[in-house]
Structures are given as structure tokens and as C-alpha cells.
Protein backbone atom coordinates (compact mmCIF):
# COMPACT_ATOMS: atom_id res chain seq x y z
CA MET A 1 37.97 -0.77 4.72
CA LYS A 2 35.03 1.53 4.10
CA ARG A 3 31.43 0.40 3.59
CA LEU A 4 31.15 2.54 0.47
CA GLU A 5 34.14 0.71 -1.07
CA CYS A 6 32.45 -2.63 -0.41
CA MET A 7 29.24 -1.38 -1.98
CA ARG A 8 31.08 -0.30 -5.12
CA VAL A 9 32.42 -3.86 -5.42
CA LEU A 10 28.92 -5.30 -4.96
CA ALA A 11 27.38 -2.90 -7.48
CA GLU A 12 29.66 -4.36 -10.15
CA LEU A 13 28.75 -7.96 -9.25
CA LEU A 14 24.96 -7.79 -8.95
CA HIS A 15 22.47 -8.54 -11.71
CA GLY A 16 19.86 -6.04 -12.82
CA ASP A 17 16.99 -8.24 -11.63
CA ASP A 18 18.37 -8.90 -8.13
CA LEU A 19 16.11 -7.63 -5.34
CA LEU A 20 17.84 -5.65 -2.62
CA VAL A 21 16.89 -4.79 0.94
CA THR A 22 18.98 -2.11 2.63
CA ALA A 23 19.24 -1.13 6.27
CA LEU A 24 18.16 2.31 7.34
CA GLY A 25 20.56 5.22 7.70
CA GLY A 26 23.95 5.44 6.07
CA THR A 27 23.77 2.01 4.45
CA THR A 28 20.79 2.99 2.33
CA ASP A 29 22.09 6.48 1.68
CA GLU A 30 25.46 5.20 0.46
CA TRP A 31 23.90 2.46 -1.67
CA PHE A 32 21.58 4.94 -3.39
CA SER A 33 24.53 7.23 -4.08
CA ILE A 34 25.96 4.38 -6.18
CA ARG A 35 22.85 2.67 -7.53
CA PRO A 36 19.53 4.50 -7.09
CA THR A 37 17.39 1.76 -8.60
CA GLU A 38 13.76 0.77 -8.13
CA ASN A 39 14.67 -2.86 -7.32
CA THR A 40 15.94 -1.80 -3.87
CA TYR A 41 13.70 -1.68 -0.80
CA ALA A 42 15.10 0.81 1.71
CA ASN A 43 13.78 -0.50 5.00
CA SER A 44 13.16 2.17 7.61
CA CYS A 45 12.55 -0.10 10.60
CA MET A 46 15.69 -0.97 12.51
CA GLY A 47 16.10 -4.70 12.96
CA ALA A 48 13.42 -5.74 10.45
CA ASN A 49 15.82 -6.26 7.56
CA VAL A 50 16.39 -10.00 7.99
CA PRO A 51 12.64 -10.75 8.27
CA VAL A 52 11.87 -8.62 5.19
CA ALA A 53 14.66 -10.29 3.19
CA ILE A 54 13.57 -13.77 4.27
CA GLY A 55 9.98 -12.97 3.29
CA LEU A 56 11.02 -11.72 -0.15
CA ALA A 57 13.27 -14.73 -0.72
CA LEU A 58 10.52 -17.19 0.24
CA ALA A 59 7.80 -15.38 -1.72
CA LEU A 60 9.97 -15.08 -4.85
CA PRO A 61 12.22 -18.17 -4.85
CA HIS A 62 13.16 -17.61 -8.51
CA ARG A 63 14.71 -14.21 -7.70
CA ARG A 64 18.00 -13.58 -5.93
CA VAL A 65 17.59 -11.39 -2.85
CA ILE A 66 20.50 -9.37 -1.48
CA LEU A 67 20.42 -7.92 2.04
CA LEU A 68 22.75 -5.04 2.91
CA ASP A 69 22.54 -4.89 6.69
CA THR A 70 24.41 -3.49 9.70
CA ASP A 71 25.67 -4.86 12.99
CA GLY A 72 23.24 -2.62 14.89
CA CYS A 73 20.26 -3.96 12.96
CA GLN A 74 21.40 -7.58 13.29
CA LEU A 75 21.81 -7.17 17.05
CA MET A 76 18.32 -5.63 17.31
CA THR A 77 16.62 -8.88 16.20
CA MET A 78 18.89 -11.80 17.01
CA GLY A 79 15.86 -14.09 16.90
CA ALA A 80 15.60 -13.41 13.17
CA LEU A 81 19.05 -14.96 12.75
CA ALA A 82 17.71 -18.18 14.27
CA THR A 83 14.89 -18.12 11.73
CA LEU A 84 17.43 -17.51 8.98
CA GLY A 85 19.42 -20.54 10.14
CA ASN A 86 16.33 -22.74 10.14
CA VAL A 87 14.72 -21.54 6.92
CA ARG A 88 17.95 -20.95 4.91
CA PRO A 89 16.48 -19.53 1.71
CA PRO A 90 18.91 -20.64 -1.02
CA ASN A 91 18.34 -17.45 -3.02
CA LEU A 92 19.31 -15.07 -0.18
CA ARG A 93 22.72 -13.40 0.18
CA VAL A 94 23.36 -11.41 3.36
CA PHE A 95 26.10 -8.79 3.64
CA VAL A 96 26.49 -7.22 7.08
CA PHE A 97 28.55 -4.04 7.33
CA ASP A 98 29.92 -4.20 10.87
CA ASN A 99 31.45 -0.94 12.04
CA GLY A 100 31.10 -1.74 15.75
CA GLY A 101 28.88 1.28 16.35
CA TYR A 102 25.64 3.08 15.65
CA GLY A 103 27.22 5.35 13.07
CA TYR A 104 24.18 7.36 12.03
CA THR A 105 23.49 8.58 15.57
CA GLY A 106 27.06 9.44 16.51
CA GLY A 107 29.06 6.22 16.83
CA GLN A 108 27.91 4.68 20.10
CA ALA A 109 29.49 1.22 20.45
CA THR A 110 27.59 -1.95 19.58
CA ALA A 111 28.31 -5.39 21.04
CA THR A 112 30.47 -6.23 18.02
CA SER A 113 33.02 -3.66 19.17
CA GLY A 114 33.59 -6.15 21.99
CA ARG A 115 33.52 -9.95 21.80
CA THR A 116 30.30 -10.53 19.83
CA ASP A 117 30.97 -12.32 16.52
CA LEU A 118 27.99 -12.12 14.16
CA ALA A 119 29.32 -14.74 11.73
CA GLY A 120 29.92 -17.05 14.71
CA VAL A 121 26.34 -16.48 15.90
CA ALA A 122 25.04 -17.14 12.38
CA ARG A 123 26.97 -20.43 12.18
CA ALA A 124 25.71 -21.42 15.62
CA VAL A 125 22.07 -21.02 14.54
CA GLY A 126 22.49 -22.99 11.31
CA VAL A 127 23.86 -20.61 8.68
CA GLU A 128 26.71 -22.83 7.52
CA ASN A 129 28.20 -20.46 4.94
CA ALA A 130 29.01 -17.53 7.26
CA GLU A 131 32.32 -15.67 7.36
CA THR A 132 33.95 -12.43 8.47
CA VAL A 133 36.29 -10.41 6.27
CA HIS A 134 38.59 -7.53 7.23
CA ASP A 135 39.88 -6.04 3.98
CA LEU A 136 38.54 -5.14 0.56
CA ALA A 137 40.26 -7.96 -1.34
CA SER A 138 38.80 -10.52 1.07
CA PHE A 139 35.38 -8.88 0.79
CA GLU A 140 35.46 -9.04 -2.99
CA ALA A 141 36.52 -12.70 -2.91
CA ALA A 142 33.75 -13.57 -0.43
CA ALA A 143 31.16 -11.62 -2.42
CA ARG A 144 32.17 -13.32 -5.68
CA ARG A 145 31.99 -16.75 -4.00
CA GLY A 146 28.67 -16.05 -2.38
CA LEU A 147 27.07 -14.66 -5.52
CA ALA A 148 28.43 -17.41 -7.78
CA THR A 149 27.32 -20.40 -5.70
CA GLU A 150 23.92 -21.77 -4.74
CA GLY A 151 22.67 -21.47 -1.20
CA LEU A 152 22.42 -18.95 1.61
CA THR A 153 25.51 -16.79 2.10
CA TYR A 154 26.29 -14.59 5.12
CA VAL A 155 29.29 -12.25 4.94
CA VAL A 156 30.25 -9.88 7.74
CA ALA A 157 32.50 -7.06 6.52
CA LYS A 158 34.39 -5.27 9.29
CA VAL A 159 34.27 -1.67 8.11
CA GLU A 160 35.46 1.67 9.42
CA LEU A 161 33.15 3.58 11.74
CA ILE A 162 32.30 6.98 10.24
CA PRO A 163 29.88 8.71 12.65
CA GLY A 164 27.05 10.90 11.40
CA PRO A 165 24.73 10.92 8.39
CA PHE A 166 26.05 10.32 4.89
CA ALA A 167 26.79 13.66 3.24
CA GLY A 168 25.07 12.70 -0.01
CA GLY A 169 21.64 12.21 1.55
CA GLY A 170 19.37 9.36 0.54
CA PRO A 171 16.00 8.43 -0.90
CA ILE A 172 12.66 9.59 0.43
CA ARG A 173 11.59 6.32 2.05
CA TYR A 174 7.86 6.38 1.22
CA GLU A 175 8.43 7.22 -2.44
CA GLN A 176 11.18 4.63 -2.76
CA ALA A 177 9.02 1.92 -1.13
CA SER A 178 6.23 2.71 -3.58
CA ARG A 179 8.65 2.46 -6.52
CA PHE A 180 9.89 -0.90 -5.22
CA MET A 181 6.34 -2.27 -4.93
CA HIS A 182 5.49 -1.09 -8.45
CA TYR A 183 8.70 -2.71 -9.69
CA ILE A 184 7.64 -6.05 -8.14
CA GLU A 185 4.17 -5.69 -9.66
CA ARG A 186 5.60 -5.01 -13.11
CA THR A 187 8.29 -7.71 -13.09
CA GLU A 188 6.21 -10.41 -11.40
CA GLY A 189 2.81 -9.69 -12.96
CA VAL A 190 1.07 -9.32 -9.60
CA THR A 191 -0.99 -6.63 -7.89
CA LEU A 192 0.27 -5.41 -4.53
CA LEU A 193 -0.89 -1.83 -4.18
CA GLY A 194 -4.28 -2.11 -5.85
CA GLY A 195 -3.65 0.57 -8.43
CA VAL A 196 -2.30 3.16 -5.94
């Protein structure tokens, strides 16, 4: 199964007012090739995706927050998973695209190419609704379940490792972050950037 195929499934299931956080590299580039919207924050700090998504979910409990993350980023900040298991924002849905490698930089193996089980770790720290899927039909079923029910969802999708940058390119991170902040200001009636 390819990450891009999973993202196409998700793009059909998400609502227009969902807030998205995407991992750096190919995950963001592929997502923006499908849905280049202002309600997506393309994080450019490896490993900070879970904390950013938790913060958004807690600050805006009336909005659904979707995190599109990677195994490399999850492994970078395992402590954030413990926070996720303790805080459990009910409006957060986490989708981890696990290709067992650092695809953007050439495909070096991550711990999940061995015995490390991210869904197992998530369950161990308190994320009760955590599962791993291995094919597109199972991913779609898990995504539909997770998006249709209340409560924190954590889905690990085992995807094919495709080394190197995504051929379609991606957003300019600073400009996209600014658009996301202005989107939050407009839809929430708050000031974040002070007129910048």
C-alpha cells in the first residue's frame, strides 16, 4: 500500500473545517498534491507533530484535528506519545504512515523496520483505540471508524518505502504556516499574528 493512496482515501472522508497537521517531507508534499488547503499546518520540525496536534486539539476542542505523521517523527519524540495517552484529546485523530525508513533522506531504516510496534507502544501508554493496518481496504475501514466515532483514534498504516523527495514538490513552509494562522484567525474570530 502506498501513502498517497491512503491520503486519497482520507481526502474523501475529511470535512472542510477539519484542522490538519502534516509531518515534514514527503507526507506534506503528497498531501498538498491532493488537497492544498489553508486548514493544513505543514510542520517543519521533525518529531514535533504530536505536540502541535495535541495543542491544537486542546485549544480548539470544538474542532476535529487530524494528524498525518510518520514513523520517523513518532520515534523522534516517544515522550509525546505518553502525553497523548494521558491527555487523550477526544477530537484528535492520528494517522501514522509507517514505511520503516527515513524516506525523504534516502530510506535509512527506522526501528519499525524491526520489532518496534507503534500501535503497541500507543496502547501501552494509554491510547486505547490504536491499531495497525496493512492494506488499503483495512486502512479505509479504520479511517471510517476513527472519523465516525468519538474519542482519540490512532491508526498506523504500514506503507511502501519510496526513498527520495516527492516529485511533485510541496508548499513553501513559511507561507503555508502564515495561511494556516490567518485561517484560524478568520474561522475562530481570534488574533494570532497581530495584523501581520
